[in-house]
Amino acid sequence: MDGFGSDFSAGGSGGKIDAGTIMEQVKVQIAVANAQELLQRMTDKCFKKCIGKPGSSLDNSEQKCIAMCMDRYMDAWNTVSRTYNSRLQRERARM
């Protein structure tokens, strides 16, 4: 998934690009970007919260703090995501 160039070449399809295939690939790209952003934000937040003095290794309390911080962050993200998706479904049902 390093780009769209090779995925959309005019190979066996006679030069036609399937819109459904494009949409699925775009959705995958968006999901990957969202996961990368989530991981980056979680890493930044938990590092700032848990690591006082960066060194060559983490002590036991830093390891526990990082693990708990990441768990809480993921729980909160999942809660927000579920709520957002259910709200979207309700809005679509009204239309």
PDB file of N, CA and C in Angstrom:
ATOM      1  N   MET A   1       0.806  -1.186   0.000  1.00  0.00           N
ATOM      2  CA  MET A   1       0.000   0.000   0.000  1.00  0.00           C
ATOM      3  C   MET A   1       0.853   1.255   0.000  1.00  0.00           C
ATOM      4  N   ASP A   2       1.847   1.290  -0.849  1.00  0.00           N
ATOM      5  CA  ASP A   2       2.701   2.455  -0.875  1.00  0.00           C
ATOM      6  C   ASP A   2       2.190   3.522  -1.827  1.00  0.00           C
ATOM      7  N   GLY A   3       1.128   3.273  -2.552  1.00  0.00           N
ATOM      8  CA  GLY A   3       0.587   4.269  -3.457  1.00  0.00           C
ATOM      9  C   GLY A   3      -0.439   3.645  -4.368  1.00  0.00           C
ATOM     10  N   PHE A   4      -1.038   4.481  -5.196  1.00  0.00           N
ATOM     11  CA  PHE A   4      -2.077   3.995  -6.081  1.00  0.00           C
ATOM     12  C   PHE A   4      -1.559   3.628  -7.465  1.00  0.00           C
ATOM     13  N   GLY A   5      -0.356   4.034  -7.818  1.00  0.00           N
ATOM     14  CA  GLY A   5       0.150   3.867  -9.174  1.00  0.00           C
ATOM     15  C   GLY A   5      -0.003   2.472  -9.731  1.00  0.00           C
ATOM     16  N   SER A   6       0.521   1.463  -9.072  1.00  0.00           N
ATOM     17  CA  SER A   6       0.484   0.118  -9.605  1.00  0.00           C
ATOM     18  C   SER A   6      -0.893  -0.509  -9.475  1.00  0.00           C
ATOM     19  N   ASP A   7      -1.700  -0.039  -8.548  1.00  0.00           N
ATOM     20  CA  ASP A   7      -3.027  -0.613  -8.344  1.00  0.00           C
ATOM     21  C   ASP A   7      -4.001  -0.238  -9.454  1.00  0.00           C
ATOM     22  N   PHE A   8      -3.787   0.907 -10.101  1.00  0.00           N
ATOM     23  CA  PHE A   8      -4.745   1.401 -11.063  1.00  0.00           C
ATOM     24  C   PHE A   8      -4.204   1.425 -12.479  1.00  0.00           C
ATOM     25  N   SER A   9      -3.203   0.624 -12.760  1.00  0.00           N
ATOM     26  CA  SER A   9      -2.662   0.615 -14.108  1.00  0.00           C
ATOM     27  C   SER A   9      -3.702   0.029 -15.063  1.00  0.00           C
ATOM     28  N   ALA A  10      -3.589   0.373 -16.304  1.00  0.00           N
ATOM     29  CA  ALA A  10      -4.562  -0.049 -17.309  1.00  0.00           C
ATOM     30  C   ALA A  10      -4.234  -1.456 -17.795  1.00  0.00           C
ATOM     31  N   GLY A  11      -4.176  -2.380 -16.895  1.00  0.00           N
ATOM     32  CA  GLY A  11      -3.808  -3.748 -17.224  1.00  0.00           C
ATOM     33  C   GLY A  11      -4.928  -4.506 -17.897  1.00  0.00           C
ATOM     34  N   GLY A  12      -5.383  -5.580 -17.299  1.00  0.00           N
ATOM     35  CA  GLY A  12      -6.359  -6.467 -17.892  1.00  0.00           C
ATOM     36  C   GLY A  12      -7.759  -5.908 -17.984  1.00  0.00           C
ATOM     37  N   SER A  13      -8.038  -4.760 -17.434  1.00  0.00           N
ATOM     38  CA  SER A  13      -9.400  -4.241 -17.458  1.00  0.00           C
ATOM     39  C   SER A  13      -9.644  -3.337 -18.655  1.00  0.00           C
ATOM     40  N   GLY A  14      -8.735  -3.297 -19.591  1.00  0.00           N
ATOM     41  CA  GLY A  14      -8.925  -2.484 -20.773  1.00  0.00           C
ATOM     42  C   GLY A  14      -8.858  -0.997 -20.491  1.00  0.00           C
ATOM     43  N   GLY A  15      -8.168  -0.604 -19.431  1.00  0.00           N
ATOM     44  CA  GLY A  15      -8.014   0.805 -19.117  1.00  0.00           C
ATOM     45  C   GLY A  15      -9.115   1.351 -18.233  1.00  0.00           C
ATOM     46  N   LYS A  16     -10.140   0.571 -17.958  1.00  0.00           N
ATOM     47  CA  LYS A  16     -11.234   1.049 -17.114  1.00  0.00           C
ATOM     48  C   LYS A  16     -10.866   0.878 -15.646  1.00  0.00           C
ATOM     49  N   ILE A  17     -11.230   1.862 -14.858  1.00  0.00           N
ATOM     50  CA  ILE A  17     -10.964   1.817 -13.430  1.00  0.00           C
ATOM     51  C   ILE A  17     -12.286   1.575 -12.721  1.00  0.00           C
ATOM     52  N   ASP A  18     -12.338   0.537 -11.924  1.00  0.00           N
ATOM     53  CA  ASP A  18     -13.547   0.192 -11.188  1.00  0.00           C
ATOM     54  C   ASP A  18     -13.703   1.125  -9.995  1.00  0.00           C
ATOM     55  N   ALA A  19     -14.795   1.890  -9.965  1.00  0.00           N
ATOM     56  CA  ALA A  19     -15.025   2.860  -8.901  1.00  0.00           C
ATOM     57  C   ALA A  19     -15.148   2.176  -7.534  1.00  0.00           C
ATOM     58  N   GLY A  20     -15.740   0.996  -7.496  1.00  0.00           N
ATOM     59  CA  GLY A  20     -15.870   0.268  -6.238  1.00  0.00           C
ATOM     60  C   GLY A  20     -14.520  -0.125  -5.669  1.00  0.00           C
ATOM     61  N   THR A  21     -13.618  -0.545  -6.540  1.00  0.00           N
ATOM     62  CA  THR A  21     -12.268  -0.906  -6.117  1.00  0.00           C
ATOM     63  C   THR A  21     -11.530   0.308  -5.582  1.00  0.00           C
ATOM     64  N   ILE A  22     -11.681   1.421  -6.282  1.00  0.00           N
ATOM     65  CA  ILE A  22     -11.032   2.656  -5.831  1.00  0.00           C
ATOM     66  C   ILE A  22     -11.550   3.051  -4.461  1.00  0.00           C
ATOM     67  N   MET A  23     -12.863   3.002  -4.279  1.00  0.00           N
ATOM     68  CA  MET A  23     -13.457   3.392  -2.994  1.00  0.00           C
ATOM     69  C   MET A  23     -12.956   2.489  -1.862  1.00  0.00           C
ATOM     70  N   GLU A  24     -12.874   1.194  -2.117  1.00  0.00           N
ATOM     71  CA  GLU A  24     -12.388   0.283  -1.085  1.00  0.00           C
ATOM     72  C   GLU A  24     -10.933   0.584  -0.738  1.00  0.00           C
ATOM     73  N   GLN A  25     -10.116   0.866  -1.741  1.00  0.00           N
ATOM     74  CA  GLN A  25      -8.715   1.170  -1.481  1.00  0.00           C
ATOM     75  C   GLN A  25      -8.569   2.488  -0.734  1.00  0.00           C
ATOM     76  N   VAL A  26      -9.404   3.455  -1.058  1.00  0.00           N
ATOM     77  CA  VAL A  26      -9.380   4.730  -0.335  1.00  0.00           C
ATOM     78  C   VAL A  26      -9.786   4.507   1.116  1.00  0.00           C
ATOM     79  N   LYS A  27     -10.809   3.698   1.340  1.00  0.00           N
ATOM     80  CA  LYS A  27     -11.237   3.400   2.708  1.00  0.00           C
ATOM     81  C   LYS A  27     -10.116   2.739   3.505  1.00  0.00           C
ATOM     82  N   VAL A  28      -9.402   1.824   2.862  1.00  0.00           N
ATOM     83  CA  VAL A  28      -8.283   1.157   3.533  1.00  0.00           C
ATOM     84  C   VAL A  28      -7.191   2.170   3.865  1.00  0.00           C
ATOM     85  N   GLN A  29      -6.880   3.041   2.905  1.00  0.00           N
ATOM     86  CA  GLN A  29      -5.864   4.065   3.137  1.00  0.00           C
ATOM     87  C   GLN A  29      -6.254   4.986   4.288  1.00  0.00           C
ATOM     88  N   ILE A  30      -7.521   5.371   4.353  1.00  0.00           N
ATOM     89  CA  ILE A  30      -8.000   6.231   5.441  1.00  0.00           C
ATOM     90  C   ILE A  30      -7.902   5.502   6.768  1.00  0.00           C
ATOM     91  N   ALA A  31      -8.282   4.227   6.795  1.00  0.00           N
ATOM     92  CA  ALA A  31      -8.195   3.452   8.034  1.00  0.00           C
ATOM     93  C   ALA A  31      -6.757   3.333   8.511  1.00  0.00           C
ATOM     94  N   VAL A  32      -5.831   3.104   7.594  1.00  0.00           N
ATOM     95  CA  VAL A  32      -4.416   3.011   7.960  1.00  0.00           C
ATOM     96  C   VAL A  32      -3.921   4.351   8.506  1.00  0.00           C
ATOM     97  N   ALA A  33      -4.289   5.437   7.838  1.00  0.00           N
ATOM     98  CA  ALA A  33      -3.876   6.769   8.304  1.00  0.00           C
ATOM     99  C   ALA A  33      -4.446   7.068   9.677  1.00  0.00           C
ATOM    100  N   ASN A  34      -5.700   6.700   9.908  1.00  0.00           N
ATOM    101  CA  ASN A  34      -6.320   6.921  11.222  1.00  0.00           C
ATOM    102  C   ASN A  34      -5.627   6.101  12.305  1.00  0.00           C
ATOM    103  N   ALA A  35      -5.294   4.866  11.995  1.00  0.00           N
ATOM    104  CA  ALA A  35      -4.598   4.026  12.974  1.00  0.00           C
ATOM    105  C   ALA A  35      -3.215   4.589  13.291  1.00  0.00           C
ATOM    106  N   GLN A  36      -2.519   5.076  12.268  1.00  0.00           N
ATOM    107  CA  GLN A  36      -1.200   5.670  12.486  1.00  0.00           C
ATOM    108  C   GLN A  36      -1.305   6.929  13.349  1.00  0.00           C
ATOM    109  N   GLU A  37      -2.314   7.750  13.079  1.00  0.00           N
ATOM    110  CA  GLU A  37      -2.496   8.967  13.867  1.00  0.00           C
ATOM    111  C   GLU A  37      -2.842   8.634  15.312  1.00  0.00           C
ATOM    112  N   LEU A  38      -3.716   7.644  15.509  1.00  0.00           N
ATOM    113  CA  LEU A  38      -4.071   7.216  16.866  1.00  0.00           C
ATOM    114  C   LEU A  38      -2.831   6.752  17.619  1.00  0.00           C
ATOM    115  N   LEU A  39      -2.034   5.929  16.992  1.00  0.00           N
ATOM    116  CA  LEU A  39      -0.827   5.411  17.631  1.00  0.00           C
ATOM    117  C   LEU A  39       0.145   6.540  17.963  1.00  0.00           C
ATOM    118  N   GLN A  40       0.310   7.483  17.043  1.00  0.00           N
ATOM    119  CA  GLN A  40       1.227   8.599  17.273  1.00  0.00           C
ATOM    120  C   GLN A  40       0.755   9.471  18.434  1.00  0.00           C
ATOM    121  N   ARG A  41      -0.537   9.792  18.450  1.00  0.00           N
ATOM    122  CA  ARG A  41      -1.075  10.619  19.544  1.00  0.00           C
ATOM    123  C   ARG A  41      -0.960   9.910  20.884  1.00  0.00           C
ATOM    124  N   MET A  42      -1.281   8.624  20.888  1.00  0.00           N
ATOM    125  CA  MET A  42      -1.209   7.856  22.121  1.00  0.00           C
ATOM    126  C   MET A  42       0.236   7.789  22.619  1.00  0.00           C
ATOM    127  N   THR A  43       1.161   7.560  21.720  1.00  0.00           N
ATOM    128  CA  THR A  43       2.572   7.493  22.084  1.00  0.00           C
ATOM    129  C   THR A  43       3.045   8.819  22.668  1.00  0.00           C
ATOM    130  N   ASP A  44       2.723   9.920  21.988  1.00  0.00           N
ATOM    131  CA  ASP A  44       3.139  11.244  22.464  1.00  0.00           C
ATOM    132  C   ASP A  44       2.570  11.543  23.850  1.00  0.00           C
ATOM    133  N   LYS A  45       1.263  11.325  23.995  1.00  0.00           N
ATOM    134  CA  LYS A  45       0.603  11.641  25.262  1.00  0.00           C
ATOM    135  C   LYS A  45       1.163  10.794  26.404  1.00  0.00           C
ATOM    136  N   CYS A  46       1.274   9.508  26.197  1.00  0.00           N
ATOM    137  CA  CYS A  46       1.736   8.625  27.261  1.00  0.00           C
ATOM    138  C   CYS A  46       3.216   8.827  27.570  1.00  0.00           C
ATOM    139  N   PHE A  47       4.021   9.134  26.567  1.00  0.00           N
ATOM    140  CA  PHE A  47       5.433   9.411  26.808  1.00  0.00           C
ATOM    141  C   PHE A  47       5.570  10.644  27.698  1.00  0.00           C
ATOM    142  N   LYS A  48       4.850  11.711  27.339  1.00  0.00           N
ATOM    143  CA  LYS A  48       4.923  12.947  28.131  1.00  0.00           C
ATOM    144  C   LYS A  48       4.441  12.720  29.559  1.00  0.00           C
ATOM    145  N   LYS A  49       3.415  11.891  29.717  1.00  0.00           N
ATOM    146  CA  LYS A  49       2.848  11.639  31.038  1.00  0.00           C
ATOM    147  C   LYS A  49       3.736  10.746  31.897  1.00  0.00           C
ATOM    148  N   CYS A  50       4.361   9.763  31.294  1.00  0.00           N
ATOM    149  CA  CYS A  50       4.994   8.699  32.074  1.00  0.00           C
ATOM    150  C   CYS A  50       6.523   8.740  32.144  1.00  0.00           C
ATOM    151  N   ILE A  51       7.155   9.380  31.213  1.00  0.00           N
ATOM    152  CA  ILE A  51       8.622   9.333  31.156  1.00  0.00           C
ATOM    153  C   ILE A  51       9.186  10.665  31.623  1.00  0.00           C
ATOM    154  N   GLY A  52       9.784  10.648  32.815  1.00  0.00           N
ATOM    155  CA  GLY A  52      10.372  11.862  33.362  1.00  0.00           C
ATOM    156  C   GLY A  52      11.717  12.179  32.739  1.00  0.00           C
ATOM    157  N   LYS A  53      12.599  11.220  32.780  1.00  0.00           N
ATOM    158  CA  LYS A  53      13.938  11.372  32.219  1.00  0.00           C
ATOM    159  C   LYS A  53      14.176  10.219  31.257  1.00  0.00           C
ATOM    160  N   PRO A  54      14.173  10.498  29.948  1.00  0.00           N
ATOM    161  CA  PRO A  54      14.446   9.410  28.995  1.00  0.00           C
ATOM    162  C   PRO A  54      15.835   8.821  29.225  1.00  0.00           C
ATOM    163  N   GLY A  55      15.911   7.528  29.150  1.00  0.00           N
ATOM    164  CA  GLY A  55      17.180   6.829  29.332  1.00  0.00           C
ATOM    165  C   GLY A  55      17.257   5.645  28.391  1.00  0.00           C
ATOM    166  N   SER A  56      18.156   4.744  28.697  1.00  0.00           N
ATOM    167  CA  SER A  56      18.355   3.586  27.826  1.00  0.00           C
ATOM    168  C   SER A  56      17.308   2.498  28.049  1.00  0.00           C
ATOM    169  N   SER A  57      16.591   2.571  29.168  1.00  0.00           N
ATOM    170  CA  SER A  57      15.544   1.586  29.439  1.00  0.00           C
ATOM    171  C   SER A  57      14.479   2.219  30.334  1.00  0.00           C
ATOM    172  N   LEU A  58      13.336   1.545  30.395  1.00  0.00           N
ATOM    173  CA  LEU A  58      12.241   2.007  31.247  1.00  0.00           C
ATOM    174  C   LEU A  58      12.291   1.264  32.574  1.00  0.00           C
ATOM    175  N   ASP A  59      12.085   2.004  33.656  1.00  0.00           N
ATOM    176  CA  ASP A  59      12.004   1.298  34.929  1.00  0.00           C
ATOM    177  C   ASP A  59      10.596   0.724  35.086  1.00  0.00           C
ATOM    178  N   ASN A  60      10.391  -0.036  36.148  1.00  0.00           N
ATOM    179  CA  ASN A  60       9.141  -0.751  36.353  1.00  0.00           C
ATOM    180  C   ASN A  60       7.942   0.192  36.423  1.00  0.00           C
ATOM    181  N   SER A  61       8.067   1.297  37.130  1.00  0.00           N
ATOM    182  CA  SER A  61       6.938   2.223  37.265  1.00  0.00           C
ATOM    183  C   SER A  61       6.612   2.890  35.922  1.00  0.00           C
ATOM    184  N   GLU A  62       7.622   3.193  35.117  1.00  0.00           N
ATOM    185  CA  GLU A  62       7.381   3.772  33.796  1.00  0.00           C
ATOM    186  C   GLU A  62       6.671   2.774  32.882  1.00  0.00           C
ATOM    187  N   GLN A  63       7.072   1.513  32.961  1.00  0.00           N
ATOM    188  CA  GLN A  63       6.424   0.479  32.157  1.00  0.00           C
ATOM    189  C   GLN A  63       4.952   0.346  32.523  1.00  0.00           C
ATOM    190  N   LYS A  64       4.673   0.330  33.826  1.00  0.00           N
ATOM    191  CA  LYS A  64       3.282   0.229  34.280  1.00  0.00           C
ATOM    192  C   LYS A  64       2.479   1.447  33.859  1.00  0.00           C
ATOM    193  N   CYS A  65       3.072   2.627  34.004  1.00  0.00           N
ATOM    194  CA  CYS A  65       2.398   3.866  33.619  1.00  0.00           C
ATOM    195  C   CYS A  65       2.069   3.864  32.128  1.00  0.00           C
ATOM    196  N   ILE A  66       3.025   3.478  31.304  1.00  0.00           N
ATOM    197  CA  ILE A  66       2.813   3.429  29.855  1.00  0.00           C
ATOM    198  C   ILE A  66       1.689   2.456  29.522  1.00  0.00           C
ATOM    199  N   ALA A  67       1.718   1.275  30.114  1.00  0.00           N
ATOM    200  CA  ALA A  67       0.697   0.264  29.838  1.00  0.00           C
ATOM    201  C   ALA A  67      -0.689   0.760  30.239  1.00  0.00           C
ATOM    202  N   MET A  68      -0.793   1.343  31.423  1.00  0.00           N
ATOM    203  CA  MET A  68      -2.093   1.835  31.888  1.00  0.00           C
ATOM    204  C   MET A  68      -2.570   3.015  31.044  1.00  0.00           C
ATOM    205  N   CYS A  69      -1.657   3.911  30.702  1.00  0.00           N
ATOM    206  CA  CYS A  69      -2.000   5.068  29.883  1.00  0.00           C
ATOM    207  C   CYS A  69      -2.521   4.624  28.520  1.00  0.00           C
ATOM    208  N   MET A  70      -1.840   3.679  27.912  1.00  0.00           N
ATOM    209  CA  MET A  70      -2.260   3.194  26.601  1.00  0.00           C
ATOM    210  C   MET A  70      -3.608   2.485  26.684  1.00  0.00           C
ATOM    211  N   ASP A  71      -3.823   1.711  27.732  1.00  0.00           N
ATOM    212  CA  ASP A  71      -5.119   1.047  27.920  1.00  0.00           C
ATOM    213  C   ASP A  71      -6.242   2.066  28.060  1.00  0.00           C
ATOM    214  N   ARG A  72      -6.019   3.075  28.895  1.00  0.00           N
ATOM    215  CA  ARG A  72      -7.044   4.117  29.084  1.00  0.00           C
ATOM    216  C   ARG A  72      -7.295   4.880  27.793  1.00  0.00           C
ATOM    217  N   TYR A  73      -6.243   5.200  27.072  1.00  0.00           N
ATOM    218  CA  TYR A  73      -6.375   5.942  25.820  1.00  0.00           C
ATOM    219  C   TYR A  73      -7.200   5.138  24.820  1.00  0.00           C
ATOM    220  N   MET A  74      -6.888   3.853  24.689  1.00  0.00           N
ATOM    221  CA  MET A  74      -7.632   2.999  23.753  1.00  0.00           C
ATOM    222  C   MET A  74      -9.081   2.839  24.186  1.00  0.00           C
ATOM    223  N   ASP A  75      -9.324   2.676  25.480  1.00  0.00           N
ATOM    224  CA  ASP A  75     -10.707   2.578  25.978  1.00  0.00           C
ATOM    225  C   ASP A  75     -11.490   3.838  25.644  1.00  0.00           C
ATOM    226  N   ALA A  76     -10.889   4.986  25.885  1.00  0.00           N
ATOM    227  CA  ALA A  76     -11.560   6.254  25.592  1.00  0.00           C
ATOM    228  C   ALA A  76     -11.799   6.390  24.084  1.00  0.00           C
ATOM    229  N   TRP A  77     -10.815   6.043  23.286  1.00  0.00           N
ATOM    230  CA  TRP A  77     -10.959   6.152  21.833  1.00  0.00           C
ATOM    231  C   TRP A  77     -12.066   5.227  21.336  1.00  0.00           C
ATOM    232  N   ASN A  78     -12.122   4.010  21.865  1.00  0.00           N
ATOM    233  CA  ASN A  78     -13.168   3.067  21.462  1.00  0.00           C
ATOM    234  C   ASN A  78     -14.550   3.573  21.861  1.00  0.00           C
ATOM    235  N   THR A  79     -14.666   4.152  23.044  1.00  0.00           N
ATOM    236  CA  THR A  79     -15.948   4.698  23.488  1.00  0.00           C
ATOM    237  C   THR A  79     -16.400   5.830  22.567  1.00  0.00           C
ATOM    238  N   VAL A  80     -15.498   6.738  22.269  1.00  0.00           N
ATOM    239  CA  VAL A  80     -15.829   7.856  21.379  1.00  0.00           C
ATOM    240  C   VAL A  80     -16.186   7.326  19.989  1.00  0.00           C
ATOM    241  N   SER A  81     -15.432   6.379  19.500  1.00  0.00           N
ATOM    242  CA  SER A  81     -15.676   5.821  18.170  1.00  0.00           C
ATOM    243  C   SER A  81     -17.041   5.149  18.094  1.00  0.00           C
ATOM    244  N   ARG A  82     -17.385   4.337  19.091  1.00  0.00           N
ATOM    245  CA  ARG A  82     -18.693   3.671  19.107  1.00  0.00           C
ATOM    246  C   ARG A  82     -19.823   4.696  19.161  1.00  0.00           C
ATOM    247  N   THR A  83     -19.668   5.711  20.006  1.00  0.00           N
ATOM    248  CA  THR A  83     -20.688   6.742  20.130  1.00  0.00           C
ATOM    249  C   THR A  83     -20.857   7.500  18.821  1.00  0.00           C
ATOM    250  N   TYR A  84     -19.746   7.852  18.201  1.00  0.00           N
ATOM    251  CA  TYR A  84     -19.789   8.565  16.930  1.00  0.00           C
ATOM    252  C   TYR A  84     -20.477   7.726  15.853  1.00  0.00           C
ATOM    253  N   ASN A  85     -20.116   6.452  15.761  1.00  0.00           N
ATOM    254  CA  ASN A  85     -20.715   5.576  14.754  1.00  0.00           C
ATOM    255  C   ASN A  85     -22.206   5.381  14.987  1.00  0.00           C
ATOM    256  N   SER A  86     -22.619   5.235  16.231  1.00  0.00           N
ATOM    257  CA  SER A  86     -24.050   5.077  16.492  1.00  0.00           C
ATOM    258  C   SER A  86     -24.803   6.363  16.170  1.00  0.00           C
ATOM    259  N   ARG A  87     -24.192   7.501  16.431  1.00  0.00           N
ATOM    260  CA  ARG A  87     -24.823   8.771  16.074  1.00  0.00           C
ATOM    261  C   ARG A  87     -24.948   8.906  14.556  1.00  0.00           C
ATOM    262  N   LEU A  88     -23.915   8.509  13.833  1.00  0.00           N
ATOM    263  CA  LEU A  88     -23.980   8.536  12.373  1.00  0.00           C
ATOM    264  C   LEU A  88     -25.101   7.637  11.852  1.00  0.00           C
ATOM    265  N   GLN A  89     -25.230   6.453  12.427  1.00  0.00           N
ATOM    266  CA  GLN A  89     -26.281   5.531  11.992  1.00  0.00           C
ATOM    267  C   GLN A  89     -27.660   6.121  12.264  1.00  0.00           C
ATOM    268  N   ARG A  90     -27.842   6.753  13.411  1.00  0.00           N
ATOM    269  CA  ARG A  90     -29.127   7.395  13.729  1.00  0.00           C
ATOM    270  C   ARG A  90     -29.433   8.507  12.735  1.00  0.00           C
ATOM    271  N   GLU A  91     -28.426   9.309  12.422  1.00  0.00           N
ATOM    272  CA  GLU A  91     -28.617  10.405  11.470  1.00  0.00           C
ATOM    273  C   GLU A  91     -28.961   9.879  10.073  1.00  0.00           C
ATOM    274  N   ARG A  92     -28.305   8.807   9.666  1.00  0.00           N
ATOM    275  CA  ARG A  92     -28.594   8.236   8.351  1.00  0.00           C
ATOM    276  C   ARG A  92     -29.993   7.637   8.306  1.00  0.00           C
ATOM    277  N   ALA A  93     -30.433   7.069   9.419  1.00  0.00           N
ATOM    278  CA  ALA A  93     -31.765   6.481   9.481  1.00  0.00           C
ATOM    279  C   ALA A  93     -32.853   7.551   9.359  1.00  0.00           C
ATOM    280  N   ARG A  94     -32.565   8.755   9.819  1.00  0.00           N
ATOM    281  CA  ARG A  94     -33.531   9.853   9.745  1.00  0.00           C
ATOM    282  C   ARG A  94     -33.699  10.373   8.320  1.00  0.00           C
ATOM    283  N   MET A  95     -32.682  10.186   7.496  1.00  0.00           N
ATOM    284  CA  MET A  95     -32.731  10.752   6.134  1.00  0.00           C
ATOM    285  C   MET A  95     -33.622   9.962   5.225  1.00  0.00           C
TER     286      MET A  95
END
